[in-house]
Each structure stands twice: as C-alpha cells, then as structure tokens.
Protein backbone atom coordinates (compact mmCIF):
# COMPACT_ATOMS: atom_id res chain seq x y z
CA MET A 1 -246.56 -119.83 102.89
CA HIS A 2 -247.03 -116.98 105.33
CA ILE A 3 -244.03 -114.93 106.50
CA SER A 4 -244.59 -113.17 109.79
CA ALA A 5 -243.73 -109.55 110.39
CA ALA A 6 -241.48 -110.49 113.31
CA TYR A 7 -239.42 -112.75 111.03
CA LEU A 8 -238.99 -109.95 108.45
CA ALA A 9 -238.06 -107.48 111.19
CA SER A 10 -235.37 -109.82 112.48
CA ILE A 11 -233.89 -110.25 109.00
CA PHE A 12 -233.87 -106.53 108.14
CA ALA A 13 -232.92 -105.24 111.59
CA VAL A 14 -230.67 -102.22 111.08
CA ASP A 15 -229.32 -100.07 113.86
CA ALA A 16 -230.54 -96.45 113.66
CA SER A 17 -227.03 -95.00 113.50
CA LEU A 18 -226.12 -97.34 110.63
CA PHE A 19 -229.34 -96.38 108.83
CA ILE A 20 -228.54 -92.66 109.20
CA ALA A 21 -224.93 -93.17 108.13
CA LEU A 22 -225.97 -95.11 105.01
CA GLY A 23 -228.61 -92.51 104.21
CA LEU A 24 -226.12 -89.67 104.47
CA LEU A 25 -223.63 -91.61 102.38
CA VAL A 26 -226.21 -92.15 99.65
CA VAL A 27 -226.98 -88.42 99.63
CA ILE A 28 -223.53 -86.88 100.18
CA LEU A 29 -221.46 -89.00 97.78
CA PRO A 30 -223.37 -88.03 94.62
CA VAL A 31 -223.37 -84.38 95.65
CA LEU A 32 -219.61 -84.43 96.23
CA ALA A 33 -219.06 -86.25 92.93
CA LEU A 34 -221.09 -83.67 90.99
CA TRP A 35 -219.32 -80.82 92.78
CA PHE A 36 -215.92 -82.29 91.86
CA LEU A 37 -216.91 -82.81 88.21
CA TYR A 38 -218.25 -79.28 87.78
CA GLU A 39 -215.19 -77.77 89.46
CA GLN A 40 -212.94 -79.69 87.07
CA ARG A 41 -215.04 -78.54 84.13
CA LYS A 42 -214.93 -74.91 85.28
CA ALA A 43 -211.15 -75.05 85.86
CA GLY A 44 -210.63 -76.36 82.33
CA ALA A 45 -212.70 -73.56 80.83
CA CYS A 46 -210.82 -70.94 82.85
CA SER A 47 -207.42 -72.24 81.80
CA ARG A 48 -208.45 -72.20 78.13
CA ARG A 49 -209.77 -68.65 78.53
CA ALA A 50 -206.55 -67.54 80.22
CA LEU A 51 -204.56 -68.52 77.14
CA CYS A 52 -206.46 -66.00 75.01
CA THR A 53 -205.29 -62.43 74.60
CA THR A 54 -207.64 -59.49 74.07
CA PHE A 55 -206.89 -56.73 71.58
CA SER A 56 -208.49 -53.35 70.88
CA CYS A 57 -208.12 -51.91 67.43
CA ILE A 58 -206.94 -48.29 67.46
CA LYS A 59 -208.22 -47.65 63.94
CA CYS A 60 -211.77 -49.12 63.93
CA GLU A 61 -212.29 -49.61 67.72
CA LEU A 62 -213.10 -53.31 67.40
CA ILE A 63 -212.37 -55.46 70.43
CA TYR A 64 -211.28 -58.98 69.50
CA SER A 65 -209.28 -61.85 70.96
CA ARG A 66 -206.74 -64.37 69.77
CA CYS A 67 -205.87 -67.60 71.52
CA GLY A 68 -202.26 -67.98 72.44
CA ILE A 69 -199.84 -65.55 74.00
CA GLU A 70 -199.32 -62.93 71.30
CA LYS A 71 -198.07 -59.36 71.68
CA GLU A 72 -199.53 -58.16 68.36
CA ALA A 73 -202.38 -59.32 66.12
CA SER A 74 -204.07 -58.03 63.01
CA CYS A 75 -207.62 -56.72 63.32
CA PRO A 76 -210.09 -59.01 61.55
CA GLN A 77 -212.13 -56.01 60.35
CA CYS A 78 -209.55 -53.53 59.03
CA GLY A 79 -206.25 -55.46 59.13
CA TYR A 80 -204.41 -52.95 61.34
CA ARG A 81 -201.81 -54.54 63.65
CA ASN A 82 -202.58 -53.80 67.28
CA THR A 83 -200.83 -54.48 70.54
CA ARG A 84 -202.62 -56.42 73.25
CA LEU A 85 -205.11 -54.71 75.51
CA LYS A 86 -203.74 -54.07 78.99
CA PHE A 87 -206.01 -53.70 81.98
C-alpha cells in the first residue's frame, strides 16, 4: 500500500503560527520549571543559613557558627563563652 505525500501533508497540516507557538511552549515551559525549582532550592538554603549565628572567639580568635538565634555560645576550641559577631 502506497501513501502519497499529498495525503500525509493533508493529515499533518499545521499552521505556521501554531507550529511556532507549540515550539516555544516546548522550549519555554521546561526552562521556566527549572528556574522555579532552582529558585525554591536557593530560597530554602538562604533561610536555613539565616537561622545560623556567627561568633568570633576573643580568646583563640576562632570564627564559628551555631544554628539558631543565640546571643552567646561556647567556643568549640577553647570553651570560652563569646557573644555573637556583629557586622
């Protein structure tokens, strides 16, 4: 059975504007989805980082951090209690 090219063209006839719109949709939707996912991932990392407090030890000059909102924390190296580092 032989199928002519004219018959196939009539079956798969797509307007040029529809073809361009579908092509853009196929390209833009995955890009927007990836952008949204990475923005959500970055926002989650920033919010976790914002909950950590940085300290600088006066005695041994070690800079360390503790998660949570604390005003004082013991230095892991020498045990001295330090106040949070203010910028």
